[in-house]
C-alpha atoms as a PDB file:
ATOM      1  CA  MET A   1     -91.776  80.613 118.562  1.00  0.00           C
ATOM      2  CA  GLY A   2     -92.081  80.037 115.136  1.00  0.00           C
ATOM      3  CA  ILE A   3     -91.310  77.176 112.581  1.00  0.00           C
ATOM      4  CA  HIS A   4     -88.444  78.727 111.248  1.00  0.00           C
ATOM      5  CA  ASP A   5     -87.738  79.303 114.545  1.00  0.00           C
ATOM      6  CA  ILE A   6     -87.064  75.706 115.867  1.00  0.00           C
ATOM      7  CA  ILE A   7     -85.688  75.100 111.893  1.00  0.00           C
ATOM      8  CA  GLU A   8     -82.546  77.672 112.626  1.00  0.00           C
ATOM      9  CA  GLY A   9     -82.193  76.035 115.865  1.00  0.00           C
ATOM     10  CA  LYS A  10     -82.128  72.591 114.704  1.00  0.00           C
ATOM     11  CA  LYS A  11     -79.032  73.680 112.317  1.00  0.00           C
ATOM     12  CA  GLU A  12     -77.052  75.500 114.977  1.00  0.00           C
ATOM     13  CA  TRP A  13     -77.389  72.250 117.251  1.00  0.00           C
ATOM     14  CA  ARG A  14     -76.431  70.099 114.763  1.00  0.00           C
ATOM     15  CA  ALA A  15     -73.306  72.845 113.716  1.00  0.00           C
ATOM     16  CA  HIS A  16     -72.190  72.471 117.251  1.00  0.00           C
ATOM     17  CA  VAL A  17     -72.504  68.747 117.437  1.00  0.00           C
ATOM     18  CA  ALA A  18     -70.403  68.687 114.282  1.00  0.00           C
ATOM     19  CA  ARG A  19     -67.725  70.407 116.071  1.00  0.00           C
ATOM     20  CA  VAL A  20     -67.797  68.550 119.455  1.00  0.00           C
ATOM     21  CA  LYS A  21     -67.447  64.733 117.068  1.00  0.00           C
ATOM     22  CA  ALA A  22     -64.443  67.263 115.343  1.00  0.00           C
ATOM     23  CA  LEU A  23     -62.268  66.741 118.657  1.00  0.00           C
ATOM     24  CA  PRO A  24     -60.180  64.313 119.854  1.00  0.00           C
ATOM     25  CA  PRO A  25     -61.517  61.504 121.408  1.00  0.00           C
ATOM     26  CA  ASP A  26     -61.125  62.732 125.263  1.00  0.00           C
ATOM     27  CA  TYR A  27     -62.056  65.588 124.628  1.00  0.00           C
ATOM     28  CA  GLN A  28     -65.282  64.154 123.535  1.00  0.00           C
ATOM     29  CA  ILE A  29     -65.564  62.198 126.309  1.00  0.00           C
ATOM     30  CA  VAL A  30     -65.334  65.312 128.912  1.00  0.00           C
ATOM     31  CA  TYR A  31     -67.564  67.215 126.986  1.00  0.00           C
ATOM     32  CA  ASN A  32     -70.060  65.578 126.997  1.00  0.00           C
ATOM     33  CA  GLU A  33     -70.078  64.294 130.657  1.00  0.00           C
ATOM     34  CA  MET A  34     -69.846  68.343 130.802  1.00  0.00           C
ATOM     35  CA  GLN A  35     -72.744  68.521 128.632  1.00  0.00           C
ATOM     36  CA  LYS A  36     -74.642  65.722 130.439  1.00  0.00           C
ATOM     37  CA  TYR A  37     -73.568  67.522 134.081  1.00  0.00           C
ATOM     38  CA  LEU A  38     -75.185  70.778 133.171  1.00  0.00           C
ATOM     39  CA  PHE A  39     -78.424  69.836 131.449  1.00  0.00           C
ATOM     40  CA  LYS A  40     -79.218  67.941 134.941  1.00  0.00           C
ATOM     41  CA  VAL A  41     -78.003  70.443 137.572  1.00  0.00           C
ATOM     42  CA  GLY A  42     -76.963  73.378 135.109  1.00  0.00           C
ATOM     43  CA  PRO A  43     -78.305  77.017 134.706  1.00  0.00           C
ATOM     44  CA  VAL A  44     -82.145  77.467 133.938  1.00  0.00           C
ATOM     45  CA  ASP A  45     -81.096  79.566 130.474  1.00  0.00           C
ATOM     46  CA  LEU A  46     -78.089  76.600 129.591  1.00  0.00           C
ATOM     47  CA  THR A  47     -79.718  76.515 126.021  1.00  0.00           C
ATOM     48  CA  GLU A  48     -80.594  80.183 125.696  1.00  0.00           C
ATOM     49  CA  GLY A  49     -76.813  81.262 126.257  1.00  0.00           C
ATOM     50  CA  ASN A  50     -73.806  80.553 124.960  1.00  0.00           C
ATOM     51  CA  LEU A  51     -72.177  78.079 128.078  1.00  0.00           C
ATOM     52  CA  LEU A  52     -71.882  74.872 125.423  1.00  0.00           C
ATOM     53  CA  ALA A  53     -70.508  76.870 122.704  1.00  0.00           C
ATOM     54  CA  GLY A  54     -68.040  78.542 124.577  1.00  0.00           C
ATOM     55  CA  ILE A  55     -67.040  74.979 125.986  1.00  0.00           C
ATOM     56  CA  VAL A  56     -66.086  73.408 122.509  1.00  0.00           C
ATOM     57  CA  ASP A  57     -64.296  76.962 122.302  1.00  0.00           C
ATOM     58  CA  PHE A  58     -62.180  76.656 125.001  1.00  0.00           C
ATOM     59  CA  PHE A  59     -61.304  72.987 124.210  1.00  0.00           C
ATOM     60  CA  GLU A  60     -60.862  74.073 120.510  1.00  0.00           C
ATOM     61  CA  GLU A  61     -57.812  76.328 121.746  1.00  0.00           C
ATOM     62  CA  GLY A  62     -56.561  73.421 124.225  1.00  0.00           C
ATOM     63  CA  VAL A  63     -56.412  70.774 121.113  1.00  0.00           C
ATOM     64  CA  ALA A  64     -54.489  73.996 118.624  1.00  0.00           C
ATOM     65  CA  ASP A  65     -52.147  74.105 121.758  1.00  0.00           C
ATOM     66  CA  GLY A  66     -51.559  70.649 122.147  1.00  0.00           C
ATOM     67  CA  LYS A  67     -53.044  70.002 125.612  1.00  0.00           C
ATOM     68  CA  GLY A  68     -54.628  67.410 127.030  1.00  0.00           C
ATOM     69  CA  VAL A  69     -58.444  67.891 127.975  1.00  0.00           C
ATOM     70  CA  LEU A  70     -57.437  66.939 131.826  1.00  0.00           C
ATOM     71  CA  GLU A  71     -54.392  69.824 131.613  1.00  0.00           C
ATOM     72  CA  LEU A  72     -57.615  72.172 131.111  1.00  0.00           C
ATOM     73  CA  THR A  73     -60.305  71.282 133.246  1.00  0.00           C
ATOM     74  CA  GLY A  74     -58.121  69.657 135.790  1.00  0.00           C
ATOM     75  CA  THR A  75     -59.250  65.756 137.231  1.00  0.00           C
ATOM     76  CA  ASP A  76     -62.011  67.002 138.764  1.00  0.00           C
ATOM     77  CA  VAL A  77     -63.898  68.225 136.288  1.00  0.00           C
ATOM     78  CA  ALA A  78     -67.448  68.742 138.162  1.00  0.00           C
ATOM     79  CA  ALA A  79     -65.851  71.447 139.725  1.00  0.00           C
ATOM     80  CA  PHE A  80     -65.041  72.844 136.686  1.00  0.00           C
ATOM     81  CA  ALA A  81     -68.552  72.830 135.686  1.00  0.00           C
ATOM     82  CA  ASP A  82     -69.802  74.071 138.757  1.00  0.00           C
ATOM     83  CA  GLY A  83     -67.331  76.758 138.285  1.00  0.00           C
ATOM     84  CA  LEU A  84     -68.541  77.765 135.268  1.00  0.00           C
ATOM     85  CA  ILE A  85     -72.019  77.929 136.356  1.00  0.00           C
ATOM     86  CA  LYS A  86     -71.570  79.355 139.806  1.00  0.00           C
ATOM     87  CA  ASP A  87     -73.415  83.108 139.167  1.00  0.00           C
ATOM     88  CA  SER A  88     -76.241  81.047 137.335  1.00  0.00           C
ATOM     89  CA  ARG A  89     -79.693  80.160 138.778  1.00  0.00           C
ATOM     90  CA  THR A  90     -79.709  76.596 138.375  1.00  0.00           C
ATOM     91  CA  TYR A  91     -82.572  73.498 138.184  1.00  0.00           C
ATOM     92  CA  ALA A  92     -81.094  72.443 141.164  1.00  0.00           C
ATOM     93  CA  GLU A  93     -81.192  75.535 143.111  1.00  0.00           C
ATOM     94  CA  VAL A  94     -85.675  75.852 141.353  1.00  0.00           C
ATOM     95  CA  TYR A  95     -86.051  71.975 142.808  1.00  0.00           C
ATOM     96  CA  GLN A  96     -85.104  73.301 146.174  1.00  0.00           C
ATOM     97  CA  GLU A  97     -87.278  76.347 146.036  1.00  0.00           C
ATOM     98  CA  GLU A  98     -90.042  74.033 145.177  1.00  0.00           C
ATOM     99  CA  ILE A  99     -89.027  71.622 147.965  1.00  0.00           C
ATOM    100  CA  ASN A 100     -89.141  74.168 150.425  1.00  0.00           C
ATOM    101  CA  GLY A 101     -92.787  76.070 149.082  1.00  0.00           C
ATOM    102  CA  LYS A 102     -94.316  73.213 149.220  1.00  0.00           C
ATOM    103  CA  SER A 103     -93.291  71.903 152.878  1.00  0.00           C
ATOM    104  CA  GLY A 104     -93.458  75.782 154.130  1.00  0.00           C
ATOM    105  CA  ALA A 105     -97.180  75.545 153.099  1.00  0.00           C
ATOM    106  CA  ALA A 106     -98.055  72.270 154.233  1.00  0.00           C
ATOM    107  CA  GLY A 107     -96.809  73.911 157.671  1.00  0.00           C
ATOM    108  CA  LYS A 108     -98.992  76.164 157.975  1.00  0.00           C
END
């Protein structure tokens, strides 16, 4: 990864953050909580994919339709986020595999 790629990545991230800040406050709160959750347990390729941008697109459509954020996600926002990553390999799975591998190696 060259310096040009890093600069472009920062520009894209800043544009993404600006889109989030343009959302109504309740949408911003839910988005930020989802982002924290996904960064903790989310897919390994989270930063390479379009998941976060897709969430912002979905939220922008909800705002345009005059819907509240919980009308879109439901009251269990973590379950909604889990549904988005159900077919992706997550950091939680990688961590569990490491634990299982280490305990398996120690037991031999």
